[in-house]
Protein backbone atom coordinates (compact mmCIF):
# COMPACT_ATOMS: atom_id res chain seq x y z
CA MET A 1 -3.19 -8.50 -35.64
CA PRO A 2 -2.29 -7.11 -39.35
CA LYS A 3 0.24 -8.74 -41.83
CA ASN A 4 1.84 -8.31 -44.37
CA GLU A 5 0.64 -8.06 -47.70
CA GLY A 6 -0.19 -12.16 -47.79
CA MET A 7 1.32 -14.37 -45.59
CA GLY A 8 3.48 -13.54 -43.84
CA GLN A 9 4.55 -12.12 -39.79
CA PRO A 10 3.57 -9.27 -38.28
CA GLU A 11 5.35 -6.11 -39.28
CA LYS A 12 7.35 -5.11 -36.52
CA SER A 13 5.74 -1.92 -36.16
CA SER A 14 3.01 -3.58 -35.61
CA LEU A 15 3.89 -6.20 -33.33
CA LYS A 16 5.28 -3.13 -31.00
CA ARG A 17 2.04 -1.39 -30.39
CA PHE A 18 0.06 -5.06 -29.98
CA SER A 19 2.58 -5.88 -27.29
CA ASP A 20 1.93 -2.20 -25.34
CA GLU A 21 -1.48 -2.39 -26.36
CA VAL A 22 -1.57 -6.08 -24.12
CA ALA A 23 0.47 -4.37 -21.46
CA PHE A 24 -1.98 -1.09 -21.38
CA PHE A 25 -5.09 -3.58 -20.36
CA TYR A 26 -2.87 -5.81 -18.05
CA HIS A 27 -2.61 -3.04 -16.28
CA LEU A 28 -6.04 -1.68 -16.77
CA VAL A 29 -7.69 -4.92 -15.80
CA THR A 30 -4.97 -6.10 -13.02
CA GLY A 31 -4.20 -2.40 -11.51
CA ARG A 32 -0.35 -3.46 -11.59
CA ALA A 33 2.50 -2.21 -13.74
CA PRO A 34 3.39 -5.23 -16.23
CA THR A 35 6.40 -6.74 -15.22
CA VAL A 36 8.49 -9.09 -16.02
CA ILE A 37 9.99 -11.72 -12.90
CA THR A 38 13.73 -13.96 -13.71
CA ASN A 39 13.97 -16.50 -11.39
CA ASP A 40 17.43 -18.66 -12.16
CA THR A 41 17.67 -16.43 -15.43
CA ILE A 42 14.61 -18.03 -16.46
CA ALA A 43 11.51 -15.20 -17.08
CA GLY A 44 8.45 -15.03 -16.90
CA GLY A 45 5.29 -14.21 -14.11
CA PRO A 46 1.80 -12.53 -15.22
CA PHE A 47 2.58 -10.41 -17.91
CA MET A 48 4.76 -12.70 -19.41
CA GLU A 49 2.00 -15.16 -18.96
CA LEU A 50 -0.25 -13.92 -20.55
CA LEU A 51 1.41 -12.26 -23.35
CA ASN A 52 2.92 -15.92 -24.48
CA GLU A 53 -0.47 -16.92 -24.38
CA ILE A 54 -1.84 -14.33 -26.64
CA PHE A 55 1.35 -15.17 -28.66
CA GLY A 56 0.34 -18.58 -28.73
CA ILE A 57 -3.31 -17.89 -29.58
CA LEU A 58 -2.84 -15.53 -32.62
CA GLU A 59 0.03 -17.88 -33.93
CA ILE A 60 3.06 -15.04 -33.77
CA LYS A 61 5.92 -15.69 -33.45
CA GLY A 62 9.03 -14.41 -31.85
CA SER A 63 10.46 -13.58 -28.73
CA VAL A 64 7.82 -12.95 -25.93
CA GLU A 65 10.66 -11.48 -23.56
CA SER A 66 12.11 -9.10 -25.69
CA GLN A 67 8.40 -8.18 -26.26
CA ALA A 68 7.30 -8.17 -23.27
CA ARG A 69 10.73 -6.07 -21.80
CA ALA A 70 10.21 -3.57 -24.44
CA ALA A 71 6.85 -2.78 -23.79
CA ILE A 72 6.81 -2.48 -19.66
CA LEU A 73 9.45 -0.26 -21.02
CA ARG A 74 7.39 1.77 -22.85
CA PHE A 75 4.98 1.34 -20.92
CA ASN A 76 7.03 3.11 -17.46
CA SER A 77 8.45 6.19 -19.88
CA GLU A 78 4.68 6.68 -20.08
CA LYS A 79 3.75 6.89 -16.67
């Protein structure tokens, strides 16, 4: 994951591209469009779980839900 010079969080544009790539590969592997499922105001679902796991492994700070929703909007607009 590209980072700012020195230590710190990935640039927002890099995080956006990264989330978009995860959405693309999620679709490629599963054959399903990435979605966020909301149950009693709690967001979840397979795509969000995947993105959450990847963020955790790579120690990326930030809102998984907002990145997932934004990536889904961009994914759907490219159809």
